[in-house]
Amino acid sequence: MEMPAITRQMIGFHKAVFDNTFYGVTVLQDYTQNMMEGYMRQFPWVTDVQKKPFDEAVDIIKKTREEYKKAVDQGFARLEEMIDSSDN
């Protein structure tokens, strides 16, 4: 097997591992968010003013998570482009 093919397989493996891990972390974060929202709904003394920092933090986490995923996907795409250009 030639080197570019082996490198493509390695990149594919690492991308699959990242995607699966990222999905697992996303599910865990979303589940935690839903649990916390459920707790806050059950406590009548938690006002909207007190919920606002939590909601803002969740929004920041989601935005950052998507930006991170986008950056990593772009990195994998660049790696594949480098392998393709060196193969020619």
Protein backbone atom coordinates (compact mmCIF):
# COMPACT_ATOMS: atom_id res chain seq x y z
CA MET A 1 0.00 0.00 0.00
CA GLU A 2 1.38 3.39 -0.89
CA MET A 3 1.93 6.20 1.59
CA PRO A 4 -0.90 8.59 0.48
CA ALA A 5 -3.46 5.78 0.77
CA ILE A 6 -2.25 4.88 4.26
CA THR A 7 -2.31 8.54 5.25
CA ARG A 8 -5.87 8.93 3.92
CA GLN A 9 -6.95 5.93 5.99
CA MET A 10 -5.32 7.38 9.10
CA ILE A 11 -7.01 10.74 8.56
CA GLY A 12 -10.34 9.01 7.97
CA PHE A 13 -9.92 7.04 11.18
CA HIS A 14 -9.07 10.14 13.20
CA LYS A 15 -12.00 12.04 11.68
CA ALA A 16 -14.38 9.19 12.55
CA VAL A 17 -13.06 9.08 16.12
CA PHE A 18 -13.43 12.85 16.45
CA ASP A 19 -16.96 12.85 14.98
CA ASN A 20 -18.12 10.07 17.31
CA THR A 21 -16.54 11.68 20.36
CA PHE A 22 -17.94 15.08 19.44
CA TYR A 23 -21.40 13.56 19.03
CA GLY A 24 -21.12 11.90 22.46
CA VAL A 25 -20.05 15.13 24.13
CA THR A 26 -22.87 17.01 22.38
CA VAL A 27 -25.46 14.50 23.60
CA LEU A 28 -24.07 14.71 27.13
CA GLN A 29 -24.11 18.52 27.13
CA ASP A 30 -27.65 18.65 25.74
CA TYR A 31 -28.84 16.12 28.31
CA THR A 32 -27.24 18.12 31.12
CA GLN A 33 -28.90 21.28 29.82
CA ASN A 34 -32.30 19.58 29.77
CA MET A 35 -31.80 18.27 33.32
CA MET A 36 -30.83 21.70 34.63
CA GLU A 37 -33.79 23.33 32.91
CA GLY A 38 -36.06 20.72 34.47
CA TYR A 39 -34.65 21.41 37.93
CA MET A 40 -35.06 25.14 37.50
CA ARG A 41 -38.70 24.73 36.41
CA GLN A 42 -39.42 22.78 39.61
CA PHE A 43 -38.04 25.49 41.91
CA PRO A 44 -40.48 28.41 42.05
CA TRP A 45 -37.95 30.70 43.72
CA VAL A 46 -35.67 30.64 40.67
CA THR A 47 -36.69 33.72 38.73
CA ASP A 48 -36.12 34.56 35.09
CA VAL A 49 -33.37 36.96 36.16
CA GLN A 50 -31.57 34.10 37.87
CA LYS A 51 -32.09 31.79 34.85
CA LYS A 52 -30.64 34.33 32.43
CA PRO A 53 -26.93 33.60 33.18
CA PHE A 54 -27.57 29.88 32.69
CA ASP A 55 -29.31 30.50 29.37
CA GLU A 56 -26.49 32.79 28.23
CA ALA A 57 -23.89 30.19 29.19
CA VAL A 58 -25.76 27.50 27.26
CA ASP A 59 -25.91 29.75 24.20
CA ILE A 60 -22.17 30.44 24.42
CA ILE A 61 -21.41 26.73 24.82
CA LYS A 62 -23.50 25.80 21.79
CA LYS A 63 -21.97 28.56 19.65
CA THR A 64 -18.43 27.66 20.69
CA ARG A 65 -19.09 23.96 20.18
CA GLU A 66 -20.26 24.57 16.60
CA GLU A 67 -17.31 26.87 15.86
CA TYR A 68 -14.92 24.23 17.18
CA LYS A 69 -16.54 21.51 15.06
CA LYS A 70 -16.35 23.74 11.99
CA ALA A 71 -12.65 24.50 12.61
CA VAL A 72 -11.77 20.83 13.06
CA ASP A 73 -13.72 19.84 9.93
CA GLN A 74 -11.85 22.53 7.98
CA GLY A 75 -8.57 21.15 9.33
CA PHE A 76 -9.44 17.64 8.15
CA ALA A 77 -10.44 19.05 4.75
CA ARG A 78 -7.08 20.85 4.47
CA LEU A 79 -5.23 17.66 5.37
CA GLU A 80 -7.10 15.77 2.66
CA GLU A 81 -6.32 18.53 0.15
CA MET A 82 -2.63 18.35 1.06
CA ILE A 83 -2.61 14.59 0.56
CA ASP A 84 -4.43 14.94 -2.77
CA SER A 85 -2.05 17.64 -4.01
CA SER A 86 1.05 15.67 -2.97
CA ASP A 87 -0.35 12.57 -4.69
CA ASN A 88 -0.43 14.32 -8.09
